[in-house]
Amino acid sequence: MNMNNTLDKVTNISQSKDDRLKSLIERVERLEEEKNNLLADIKEVFSEAKGLGYDPKIMRKVLIIRKMDIDERLEQEALLETYRAALGIY
């Protein structure tokens, strides 16, 4: 194998990796754009809810609770009640 063939193969491998890197970066950029669009949509929903008289802070808490495992949630609620009782918060 002569030096030119070796150099061509190294160049081709390098170009292939460069193309893959570029493709990955572009995918992340597209996903970031989609994420920003989704965040804007979510913000709009919360604004709409606020306009209808709902409290967005409470809605966010409800969303967190709905994502929780029921046993974990019940455990946290029991612990919160214990702490509240110990501190006289009713």
Protein backbone atom coordinates (compact mmCIF):
# COMPACT_ATOMS: atom_id res chain seq x y z
CA MET A 1 0.00 0.00 0.00
CA ASN A 2 1.47 3.30 -0.92
CA MET A 3 1.41 6.48 1.12
CA ASN A 4 -1.32 8.13 -0.96
CA ASN A 5 -3.76 5.23 -0.41
CA THR A 6 -3.15 5.32 3.33
CA LEU A 7 -3.64 9.08 3.42
CA ASP A 8 -6.87 8.75 1.40
CA LYS A 9 -8.24 6.13 3.82
CA VAL A 10 -7.38 8.28 6.84
CA THR A 11 -9.03 11.27 5.15
CA ASN A 12 -12.14 9.21 4.34
CA ILE A 13 -12.38 7.95 7.94
CA SER A 14 -11.92 11.47 9.25
CA GLN A 15 -14.58 12.81 6.86
CA SER A 16 -16.96 10.03 7.89
CA LYS A 17 -16.50 10.90 11.57
CA ASP A 18 -16.92 14.60 10.79
CA ASP A 19 -20.17 13.84 8.95
CA ARG A 20 -21.45 11.77 11.88
CA LEU A 21 -20.55 14.51 14.35
CA LYS A 22 -22.29 17.11 12.20
CA SER A 23 -25.37 14.87 11.97
CA LEU A 24 -25.46 14.39 15.75
CA ILE A 25 -25.10 18.11 16.38
CA GLU A 26 -27.90 18.88 13.93
CA ARG A 27 -30.15 16.32 15.61
CA VAL A 28 -29.54 17.91 19.00
CA GLU A 29 -30.26 21.34 17.54
CA ARG A 30 -33.58 20.11 16.11
CA LEU A 31 -34.51 18.51 19.42
CA GLU A 32 -33.62 21.69 21.30
CA GLU A 33 -35.88 23.64 18.95
CA GLU A 34 -38.71 21.15 19.51
CA LYS A 35 -38.16 21.36 23.26
CA ASN A 36 -38.35 25.16 23.16
CA ASN A 37 -41.57 24.96 21.15
CA LEU A 38 -43.05 22.52 23.68
CA LEU A 39 -42.02 24.73 26.59
CA ALA A 40 -43.70 27.70 24.90
CA ASP A 41 -46.85 25.60 24.41
CA ILE A 42 -46.84 24.56 28.08
CA LYS A 43 -46.40 28.18 29.16
CA GLU A 44 -49.37 29.11 26.98
CA VAL A 45 -51.52 26.42 28.63
CA PHE A 46 -50.62 27.73 32.09
CA SER A 47 -51.45 31.28 30.97
CA GLU A 48 -54.79 30.08 29.67
CA ALA A 49 -55.46 28.26 32.94
CA LYS A 50 -54.59 31.39 34.92
CA GLY A 51 -57.00 33.37 32.77
CA LEU A 52 -59.70 30.88 33.68
CA GLY A 53 -59.01 31.36 37.40
CA TYR A 54 -56.76 28.38 38.08
CA ASP A 55 -53.52 28.74 40.03
CA PRO A 56 -50.57 27.60 37.86
CA LYS A 57 -48.40 26.93 40.94
CA ILE A 58 -50.94 24.50 42.30
CA MET A 59 -51.35 22.93 38.86
CA ARG A 60 -47.59 22.29 38.76
CA LYS A 61 -47.79 20.63 42.18
CA VAL A 62 -50.66 18.47 40.96
CA LEU A 63 -48.56 17.42 37.97
CA ILE A 64 -45.69 16.41 40.27
CA ILE A 65 -48.06 14.43 42.48
CA ARG A 66 -49.59 12.64 39.48
CA LYS A 67 -46.15 11.52 38.34
CA MET A 68 -45.31 10.01 41.72
CA ASP A 69 -45.65 6.38 42.67
CA ILE A 70 -48.68 6.08 44.97
CA ASP A 71 -46.71 4.44 47.80
CA GLU A 72 -44.03 7.13 47.65
CA ARG A 73 -46.68 9.83 47.66
CA LEU A 74 -48.52 8.32 50.64
CA GLU A 75 -45.25 8.01 52.53
CA GLN A 76 -44.36 11.65 51.86
CA GLU A 77 -47.84 12.82 52.84
CA ALA A 78 -47.66 10.87 56.14
CA LEU A 79 -44.23 12.29 56.88
CA LEU A 80 -45.43 15.80 56.05
CA GLU A 81 -48.37 15.37 58.44
CA THR A 82 -46.00 14.15 61.16
CA TYR A 83 -43.77 17.21 60.69
CA ARG A 84 -46.74 19.58 60.58
CA ALA A 85 -48.15 18.11 63.80
CA ALA A 86 -44.75 18.36 65.50
CA LEU A 87 -44.53 22.03 64.54
CA GLY A 88 -48.16 22.82 65.32
CA ILE A 89 -48.98 23.66 61.69
CA TYR A 90 -52.58 22.78 60.83
